[in-house]
Amino acid sequence: MKILVCISKSPDTTSKIGFTDNNTKFDDAGVQYIINPYDEWYALVRGIELKEANGGSVTTVTVGTSADDPTIRKALAIGADAAVRIDAEATDAYFVAKQIAEYAKNESFDLVLLGKETIEYNGAQVGGMVAEMLDMPFVSLATKLDVNGTKASIERDAKGGDELVEGELPLVISAAKGMAEQRIPNMRGIMAARSKPLTVVAPVAVDAMTTTVDYEMPPAKSGVKMIDPNNMDELVALLHNEAKVI
């Protein structure tokens, strides 16, 4: 089985977030980057598990610059066989999806896996776009994936429960929590990653479909208001006038 896993980098959740250029650009000074957890913990690890069970190969693809290479090398240390970096700054979801699809269209992948979303943008757009561009079926929010020959059995989150989907390869699948368990690269994997191929390819010409107007930090949390348990009128008034539903 020939598997492609799309990975991207995201700021570590402990990073301090800030913006520059009149709040139009993310300030990555001093930011520690990690593999986007949905890509790593679920898509990549499940791809490796399927390769181990059924044979084949796992290749990762990333749209990014040389600054992404340490992130890519970690994916190789976890167990991917090879990596491809499309040498371009990721601008928006359409741009990224187009680059991935252009690379993948002539590679005859049986399965394309990626995380359901990135933890910084939460857009959940790339998977569906890649599937459309490759003219392949797409299953989103998958929490379980089994493959038997050319037949895939997928469980996914659905309103009110779980949904079971079956389909024939090739497929594009976005992975959610539950797909696999995180793997920590061991020393052998880290050493092996140094010799695994990381191929850099030129991007295709694509115009981004969106532009960033500005970023805005969420409002600071307000203090807790303590209400006397006997003063229900005040509690009701605060719930009506000040409480926000998120």
C-alpha atoms as a PDB file:
ATOM      1  CA  MET A   1       0.000   0.000   0.000  1.00  0.00           C
ATOM      2  CA  LYS A   2       1.331   3.404  -0.978  1.00  0.00           C
ATOM      3  CA  ILE A   3       0.357   6.017   1.603  1.00  0.00           C
ATOM      4  CA  LEU A   4       0.792   9.786   1.537  1.00  0.00           C
ATOM      5  CA  VAL A   5       0.536  11.704   4.810  1.00  0.00           C
ATOM      6  CA  CYS A   6       0.201  15.489   4.703  1.00  0.00           C
ATOM      7  CA  ILE A   7       1.956  17.172   7.619  1.00  0.00           C
ATOM      8  CA  SER A   8       2.453  20.767   8.652  1.00  0.00           C
ATOM      9  CA  LYS A   9       4.086  22.564  11.526  1.00  0.00           C
ATOM     10  CA  SER A  10       2.203  24.420  14.259  1.00  0.00           C
ATOM     11  CA  PRO A  11       3.348  26.532  17.200  1.00  0.00           C
ATOM     12  CA  ASP A  12       3.767  24.567  20.402  1.00  0.00           C
ATOM     13  CA  THR A  13       0.737  25.143  22.610  1.00  0.00           C
ATOM     14  CA  THR A  14       2.997  26.674  25.273  1.00  0.00           C
ATOM     15  CA  SER A  15       4.303  29.350  22.879  1.00  0.00           C
ATOM     16  CA  LYS A  16       3.558  32.979  23.548  1.00  0.00           C
ATOM     17  CA  ILE A  17       1.521  34.328  20.643  1.00  0.00           C
ATOM     18  CA  GLY A  18       2.024  37.789  19.169  1.00  0.00           C
ATOM     19  CA  PHE A  19       1.673  39.676  15.895  1.00  0.00           C
ATOM     20  CA  THR A  20       3.689  42.199  13.893  1.00  0.00           C
ATOM     21  CA  ASP A  21       3.169  44.562  10.949  1.00  0.00           C
ATOM     22  CA  ASN A  22       0.028  46.146  12.382  1.00  0.00           C
ATOM     23  CA  ASN A  23      -1.348  42.746  13.413  1.00  0.00           C
ATOM     24  CA  THR A  24      -1.234  41.352   9.872  1.00  0.00           C
ATOM     25  CA  LYS A  25       1.578  38.833  10.404  1.00  0.00           C
ATOM     26  CA  PHE A  26       2.216  36.148  12.994  1.00  0.00           C
ATOM     27  CA  ASP A  27       5.346  36.854  15.033  1.00  0.00           C
ATOM     28  CA  ASP A  28       7.309  33.615  15.118  1.00  0.00           C
ATOM     29  CA  ALA A  29      10.300  35.027  16.993  1.00  0.00           C
ATOM     30  CA  GLY A  30      11.160  32.576  19.757  1.00  0.00           C
ATOM     31  CA  VAL A  31       8.289  30.257  18.847  1.00  0.00           C
ATOM     32  CA  GLN A  32       8.906  26.513  19.165  1.00  0.00           C
ATOM     33  CA  TYR A  33       7.275  24.570  16.326  1.00  0.00           C
ATOM     34  CA  ILE A  34       5.941  21.027  16.436  1.00  0.00           C
ATOM     35  CA  ILE A  35       4.217  18.740  13.944  1.00  0.00           C
ATOM     36  CA  ASN A  36       0.548  19.614  13.931  1.00  0.00           C
ATOM     37  CA  PRO A  37      -0.798  17.057  16.451  1.00  0.00           C
ATOM     38  CA  TYR A  38      -3.704  15.888  14.288  1.00  0.00           C
ATOM     39  CA  ASP A  39      -1.251  15.196  11.453  1.00  0.00           C
ATOM     40  CA  GLU A  40       1.280  13.456  13.696  1.00  0.00           C
ATOM     41  CA  TRP A  41      -0.607  11.572  16.382  1.00  0.00           C
ATOM     42  CA  TYR A  42      -3.441  10.315  14.205  1.00  0.00           C
ATOM     43  CA  ALA A  43      -2.762  10.547  10.438  1.00  0.00           C
ATOM     44  CA  LEU A  44       0.954   9.746  10.444  1.00  0.00           C
ATOM     45  CA  VAL A  45       0.895   7.068  13.130  1.00  0.00           C
ATOM     46  CA  ARG A  46      -2.109   5.307  11.587  1.00  0.00           C
ATOM     47  CA  GLY A  47      -0.420   5.393   8.212  1.00  0.00           C
ATOM     48  CA  ILE A  48       2.674   3.764   9.693  1.00  0.00           C
ATOM     49  CA  GLU A  49       0.541   1.134  11.445  1.00  0.00           C
ATOM     50  CA  LEU A  50      -1.185   0.270   8.172  1.00  0.00           C
ATOM     51  CA  LYS A  51       2.186  -0.033   6.432  1.00  0.00           C
ATOM     52  CA  GLU A  52       3.459  -2.309   9.185  1.00  0.00           C
ATOM     53  CA  ALA A  53       0.380  -4.512   8.913  1.00  0.00           C
ATOM     54  CA  ASN A  54      -0.023  -4.596   5.147  1.00  0.00           C
ATOM     55  CA  GLY A  55       3.346  -3.662   3.694  1.00  0.00           C
ATOM     56  CA  GLY A  56       4.048  -0.710   1.434  1.00  0.00           C
ATOM     57  CA  SER A  57       5.435   2.734   2.167  1.00  0.00           C
ATOM     58  CA  VAL A  58       4.593   5.999   3.895  1.00  0.00           C
ATOM     59  CA  THR A  59       5.658   9.296   2.352  1.00  0.00           C
ATOM     60  CA  THR A  60       5.019  12.650   3.985  1.00  0.00           C
ATOM     61  CA  VAL A  61       4.408  15.858   2.076  1.00  0.00           C
ATOM     62  CA  THR A  62       4.759  19.360   3.476  1.00  0.00           C
ATOM     63  CA  VAL A  63       4.280  22.760   1.894  1.00  0.00           C
ATOM     64  CA  GLY A  64       6.939  24.917   3.497  1.00  0.00           C
ATOM     65  CA  THR A  65      10.431  26.326   3.524  1.00  0.00           C
ATOM     66  CA  SER A  66      13.709  24.917   4.805  1.00  0.00           C
ATOM     67  CA  ALA A  67      12.656  26.069   8.274  1.00  0.00           C
ATOM     68  CA  ASP A  68      10.207  23.135   8.215  1.00  0.00           C
ATOM     69  CA  ASP A  69      12.937  20.522   7.738  1.00  0.00           C
ATOM     70  CA  PRO A  70      13.381  19.715  11.471  1.00  0.00           C
ATOM     71  CA  THR A  71       9.644  19.072  11.707  1.00  0.00           C
ATOM     72  CA  ILE A  72       9.793  16.818   8.657  1.00  0.00           C
ATOM     73  CA  ARG A  73      12.776  14.916  10.066  1.00  0.00           C
ATOM     74  CA  LYS A  74      10.769  14.142  13.193  1.00  0.00           C
ATOM     75  CA  ALA A  75       8.089  12.534  11.018  1.00  0.00           C
ATOM     76  CA  LEU A  76      10.805  10.406   9.437  1.00  0.00           C
ATOM     77  CA  ALA A  77      12.089   9.474  12.904  1.00  0.00           C
ATOM     78  CA  ILE A  78       8.613   8.325  13.916  1.00  0.00           C
ATOM     79  CA  GLY A  79       8.552   5.906  11.001  1.00  0.00           C
ATOM     80  CA  ALA A  80       7.797   7.525   7.629  1.00  0.00           C
ATOM     81  CA  ASP A  81       9.936   6.117   4.814  1.00  0.00           C
ATOM     82  CA  ALA A  82      10.465   9.285   2.796  1.00  0.00           C
ATOM     83  CA  ALA A  83       9.475  12.921   2.776  1.00  0.00           C
ATOM     84  CA  VAL A  84       8.701  15.568   0.192  1.00  0.00           C
ATOM     85  CA  ARG A  85       8.809  19.290   0.841  1.00  0.00           C
ATOM     86  CA  ILE A  86       7.163  21.576  -1.673  1.00  0.00           C
ATOM     87  CA  ASP A  87       9.376  24.634  -1.445  1.00  0.00           C
ATOM     88  CA  ALA A  88       6.882  27.417  -0.818  1.00  0.00           C
ATOM     89  CA  GLU A  89       5.534  29.442   2.068  1.00  0.00           C
ATOM     90  CA  ALA A  90       2.092  28.116   2.958  1.00  0.00           C
ATOM     91  CA  THR A  91      -0.283  31.017   2.396  1.00  0.00           C
ATOM     92  CA  ASP A  92      -3.818  29.673   2.561  1.00  0.00           C
ATOM     93  CA  ALA A  93      -5.697  26.370   2.432  1.00  0.00           C
ATOM     94  CA  TYR A  94      -6.321  26.485  -1.322  1.00  0.00           C
ATOM     95  CA  PHE A  95      -2.671  27.161  -2.080  1.00  0.00           C
ATOM     96  CA  VAL A  96      -1.547  24.282   0.148  1.00  0.00           C
ATOM     97  CA  ALA A  97      -4.141  21.861  -1.241  1.00  0.00           C
ATOM     98  CA  LYS A  98      -3.220  22.706  -4.830  1.00  0.00           C
ATOM     99  CA  GLN A  99       0.476  22.110  -4.194  1.00  0.00           C
ATOM    100  CA  ILE A 100      -0.224  18.740  -2.552  1.00  0.00           C
ATOM    101  CA  ALA A 101      -2.623  17.653  -5.283  1.00  0.00           C
ATOM    102  CA  GLU A 102      -0.223  18.606  -8.072  1.00  0.00           C
ATOM    103  CA  TYR A 103       2.494  16.520  -6.461  1.00  0.00           C
ATOM    104  CA  ALA A 104       0.234  13.548  -5.700  1.00  0.00           C
ATOM    105  CA  LYS A 105      -1.694  13.295  -8.965  1.00  0.00           C
ATOM    106  CA  ASN A 106       0.990  11.305 -10.781  1.00  0.00           C
ATOM    107  CA  GLU A 107       2.229   9.252  -7.811  1.00  0.00           C
ATOM    108  CA  SER A 108      -0.622   6.688  -7.624  1.00  0.00           C
ATOM    109  CA  PHE A 109      -1.133   6.828  -3.856  1.00  0.00           C
ATOM    110  CA  ASP A 110      -3.667   4.356  -2.477  1.00  0.00           C
ATOM    111  CA  LEU A 111      -4.411   6.464   0.573  1.00  0.00           C
ATOM    112  CA  VAL A 112      -3.961  10.123   1.468  1.00  0.00           C
ATOM    113  CA  LEU A 113      -4.129  10.902   5.191  1.00  0.00           C
ATOM    114  CA  LEU A 114      -4.035  14.211   7.017  1.00  0.00           C
ATOM    115  CA  GLY A 115      -5.199  15.651  10.304  1.00  0.00           C
ATOM    116  CA  LYS A 116      -8.717  17.018  10.445  1.00  0.00           C
ATOM    117  CA  GLU A 117      -7.334  20.545  10.996  1.00  0.00           C
ATOM    118  CA  THR A 118      -4.340  22.501  12.241  1.00  0.00           C
ATOM    119  CA  ILE A 119      -4.396  23.598  15.854  1.00  0.00           C
ATOM    120  CA  GLU A 120      -3.669  27.258  15.063  1.00  0.00           C
ATOM    121  CA  TYR A 121      -6.183  27.894  12.250  1.00  0.00           C
ATOM    122  CA  ASN A 122      -8.789  25.136  12.782  1.00  0.00           C
ATOM    123  CA  GLY A 123      -9.860  25.543   9.165  1.00  0.00           C
ATOM    124  CA  ALA A 124     -10.419  21.866   8.246  1.00  0.00           C
ATOM    125  CA  GLN A 125     -10.375  22.775   4.542  1.00  0.00           C
ATOM    126  CA  VAL A 126      -7.294  21.179   2.987  1.00  0.00           C
ATOM    127  CA  GLY A 127      -8.505  17.566   3.031  1.00  0.00           C
ATOM    128  CA  GLY A 128     -11.695  18.226   1.107  1.00  0.00           C
ATOM    129  CA  MET A 129      -9.882  20.409  -1.397  1.00  0.00           C
ATOM    130  CA  VAL A 130      -7.179  17.813  -2.024  1.00  0.00           C
ATOM    131  CA  ALA A 131      -9.820  15.118  -2.574  1.00  0.00           C
ATOM    132  CA  GLU A 132     -11.691  17.290  -5.049  1.00  0.00           C
ATOM    133  CA  MET A 133      -8.534  18.181  -6.961  1.00  0.00           C
ATOM    134  CA  LEU A 134      -7.504  14.506  -7.136  1.00  0.00           C
ATOM    135  CA  ASP A 135     -11.070  13.380  -7.942  1.00  0.00           C
ATOM    136  CA  MET A 136     -10.977  10.969  -5.006  1.00  0.00           C
ATOM    137  CA  PRO A 137     -13.634  10.210  -2.348  1.00  0.00           C
ATOM    138  CA  PHE A 138     -13.168  12.056   0.961  1.00  0.00           C
ATOM    139  CA  VAL A 139     -14.078  10.977   4.483  1.00  0.00           C
ATOM    140  CA  SER A 140     -13.633  13.557   7.221  1.00  0.00           C
ATOM    141  CA  LEU A 141     -13.318  13.302  11.011  1.00  0.00           C
ATOM    142  CA  ALA A 142     -12.310   9.650  10.922  1.00  0.00           C
ATOM    143  CA  THR A 143     -11.690   8.099  14.327  1.00  0.00           C
ATOM    144  CA  LYS A 144     -10.922   4.568  13.142  1.00  0.00           C
ATOM    145  CA  LEU A 145      -9.538   3.167   9.912  1.00  0.00           C
ATOM    146  CA  ASP A 146      -9.017  -0.431   8.825  1.00  0.00           C
ATOM    147  CA  VAL A 147      -7.913  -1.586   5.386  1.00  0.00           C
ATOM    148  CA  ASN A 148      -8.409  -5.058   3.936  1.00  0.00           C
ATOM    149  CA  GLY A 149      -6.983  -5.294   0.447  1.00  0.00           C
ATOM    150  CA  THR A 150      -8.541  -2.418  -1.483  1.00  0.00           C
ATOM    151  CA  LYS A 151     -11.477  -1.998   0.883  1.00  0.00           C
ATOM    152  CA  ALA A 152     -11.421   0.548   3.704  1.00  0.00           C
ATOM    153  CA  SER A 153     -13.672   0.565   6.749  1.00  0.00           C
ATOM    154  CA  ILE A 154     -13.881   3.941   8.484  1.00  0.00           C
ATOM    155  CA  GLU A 155     -15.620   5.127  11.619  1.00  0.00           C
ATOM    156  CA  ARG A 156     -16.237   8.838  11.963  1.00  0.00           C
ATOM    157  CA  ASP A 157     -17.859  11.239  14.373  1.00  0.00           C
ATOM    158  CA  ALA A 158     -21.481  11.992  13.545  1.00  0.00           C
ATOM    159  CA  LYS A 159     -24.165  13.929  15.318  1.00  0.00           C
ATOM    160  CA  GLY A 160     -25.591  11.724  18.016  1.00  0.00           C
ATOM    161  CA  GLY A 161     -23.110   8.887  17.614  1.00  0.00           C
ATOM    162  CA  ASP A 162     -20.655   7.217  15.245  1.00  0.00           C
ATOM    163  CA  GLU A 163     -20.972   6.566  11.537  1.00  0.00           C
ATOM    164  CA  LEU A 164     -19.496   3.564   9.716  1.00  0.00           C
ATOM    165  CA  VAL A 165     -18.338   4.214   6.152  1.00  0.00           C
ATOM    166  CA  GLU A 166     -16.929   1.664   3.723  1.00  0.00           C
ATOM    167  CA  GLY A 167     -15.209   2.445   0.467  1.00  0.00           C
ATOM    168  CA  GLU A 168     -12.706   1.340  -2.127  1.00  0.00           C
ATOM    169  CA  LEU A 169      -9.209   2.748  -2.313  1.00  0.00           C
ATOM    170  CA  PRO A 170      -7.935   5.247  -3.274  1.00  0.00           C
ATOM    171  CA  LEU A 171      -9.343   7.585  -0.618  1.00  0.00           C
ATOM    172  CA  VAL A 172      -8.527  10.846   1.123  1.00  0.00           C
ATOM    173  CA  ILE A 173      -9.196  10.720   4.869  1.00  0.00           C
ATOM    174  CA  SER A 174      -8.865  13.375   7.561  1.00  0.00           C
ATOM    175  CA  ALA A 175      -8.047  11.946  10.974  1.00  0.00           C
ATOM    176  CA  ALA A 176      -9.526  12.956  14.317  1.00  0.00           C
ATOM    177  CA  LYS A 177      -8.820  11.902  17.893  1.00  0.00           C
ATOM    178  CA  GLY A 178      -9.008   8.152  18.349  1.00  0.00           C
ATOM    179  CA  MET A 179      -7.431   7.135  15.043  1.00  0.00           C
ATOM    180  CA  ALA A 180      -4.137   6.109  16.694  1.00  0.00           C
ATOM    181  CA  GLU A 181      -1.951   6.595  19.746  1.00  0.00           C
ATOM    182  CA  GLN A 182       0.988   8.989  19.769  1.00  0.00           C
ATOM    183  CA  ARG A 183       4.412   7.478  19.079  1.00  0.00           C
ATOM    184  CA  ILE A 184       7.608   8.867  20.546  1.00  0.00           C
ATOM    185  CA  PRO A 185      10.596   8.530  18.201  1.00  0.00           C
ATOM    186  CA  ASN A 186      13.339   6.362  19.695  1.00  0.00           C
ATOM    187  CA  MET A 187      17.077   6.758  19.186  1.00  0.00           C
ATOM    188  CA  ARG A 188      17.141   4.212  16.385  1.00  0.00           C
ATOM    189  CA  GLY A 189      14.428   6.091  14.541  1.00  0.00           C
ATOM    190  CA  ILE A 190      16.160   9.431  15.059  1.00  0.00           C
ATOM    191  CA  MET A 191      19.425   8.072  13.667  1.00  0.00           C
ATOM    192  CA  ALA A 192      17.659   6.411  10.725  1.00  0.00           C
ATOM    193  CA  ALA A 193      15.862   9.657   9.870  1.00  0.00           C
ATOM    194  CA  ARG A 194      19.187  11.270   8.984  1.00  0.00           C
ATOM    195  CA  SER A 195      19.619   8.988   5.977  1.00  0.00           C
ATOM    196  CA  LYS A 196      16.007   8.848   4.795  1.00  0.00           C
ATOM    197  CA  PRO A 197      15.293  10.856   1.648  1.00  0.00           C
ATOM    198  CA  LEU A 198      13.848  14.362   1.951  1.00  0.00           C
ATOM    199  CA  THR A 199      13.078  15.527  -1.555  1.00  0.00           C
ATOM    200  CA  VAL A 200      12.511  19.221  -2.248  1.00  0.00           C
ATOM    201  CA  VAL A 201      10.314  20.008  -5.249  1.00  0.00           C
ATOM    202  CA  ALA A 202       9.421  23.308  -6.845  1.00  0.00           C
ATOM    203  CA  PRO A 203       5.910  24.655  -6.314  1.00  0.00           C
ATOM    204  CA  VAL A 204       3.404  25.186  -9.078  1.00  0.00           C
ATOM    205  CA  ALA A 205       2.124  28.675  -9.784  1.00  0.00           C
ATOM    206  CA  VAL A 206      -1.014  29.204  -7.717  1.00  0.00           C
ATOM    207  CA  ASP A 207      -2.631  32.417  -6.544  1.00  0.00           C
ATOM    208  CA  ALA A 208      -3.823  32.376  -2.958  1.00  0.00           C
ATOM    209  CA  MET A 209      -7.592  32.756  -2.650  1.00  0.00           C
ATOM    210  CA  THR A 210      -7.525  34.674   0.626  1.00  0.00           C
ATOM    211  CA  THR A 211      -5.539  37.423   2.324  1.00  0.00           C
ATOM    212  CA  THR A 212      -5.104  38.212   6.002  1.00  0.00           C
ATOM    213  CA  VAL A 213      -6.601  41.539   7.005  1.00  0.00           C
ATOM    214  CA  ASP A 214      -5.507  41.379  10.622  1.00  0.00           C
ATOM    215  CA  TYR A 215      -5.153  39.119  13.644  1.00  0.00           C
ATOM    216  CA  GLU A 216      -6.816  39.864  16.963  1.00  0.00           C
ATOM    217  CA  MET A 217      -6.096  38.417  20.377  1.00  0.00           C
ATOM    218  CA  PRO A 218      -9.100  37.089  22.300  1.00  0.00           C
ATOM    219  CA  PRO A 219     -10.329  39.359  25.083  1.00  0.00           C
ATOM    220  CA  ALA A 220      -8.758  38.852  28.476  1.00  0.00           C
ATOM    221  CA  LYS A 221     -10.708  36.683  30.871  1.00  0.00           C
ATOM    222  CA  SER A 222     -12.713  38.601  33.422  1.00  0.00           C
ATOM    223  CA  GLY A 223     -12.762  37.835  37.102  1.00  0.00           C
ATOM    224  CA  VAL A 224     -15.224  35.417  38.635  1.00  0.00           C
ATOM    225  CA  LYS A 225     -18.353  36.970  40.085  1.00  0.00           C
ATOM    226  CA  MET A 226     -19.587  35.390  43.282  1.00  0.00           C
ATOM    227  CA  ILE A 227     -23.362  35.401  43.709  1.00  0.00           C
ATOM    228  CA  ASP A 228     -25.116  34.814  46.997  1.00  0.00           C
ATOM    229  CA  PRO A 229     -27.047  31.528  46.631  1.00  0.00           C
ATOM    230  CA  ASN A 230     -30.129  33.261  47.985  1.00  0.00           C
ATOM    231  CA  ASN A 231     -29.983  36.039  45.376  1.00  0.00           C
ATOM    232  CA  MET A 232     -31.421  34.244  42.344  1.00  0.00           C
ATOM    233  CA  ASP A 233     -32.660  37.463  40.745  1.00  0.00           C
ATOM    234  CA  GLU A 234     -29.088  38.763  40.403  1.00  0.00           C
ATOM    235  CA  LEU A 235     -27.930  35.446  38.948  1.00  0.00           C
ATOM    236  CA  VAL A 236     -30.731  35.436  36.370  1.00  0.00           C
ATOM    237  CA  ALA A 237     -30.013  39.055  35.412  1.00  0.00           C
ATOM    238  CA  LEU A 238     -26.304  38.320  34.917  1.00  0.00           C
ATOM    239  CA  LEU A 239     -27.039  35.256  32.820  1.00  0.00           C
ATOM    240  CA  HIS A 240     -29.361  37.315  30.594  1.00  0.00           C
ATOM    241  CA  ASN A 241     -27.176  40.394  30.277  1.00  0.00           C
ATOM    242  CA  GLU A 242     -23.548  39.346  30.650  1.00  0.00           C
ATOM    243  CA  ALA A 243     -23.146  35.627  30.018  1.00  0.00           C
ATOM    244  CA  LYS A 244     -21.920  34.669  26.561  1.00  0.00           C
ATOM    245  CA  VAL A 245     -22.626  31.412  24.784  1.00  0.00           C
ATOM    246  CA  ILE A 246     -19.523  30.112  23.004  1.00  0.00           C
END
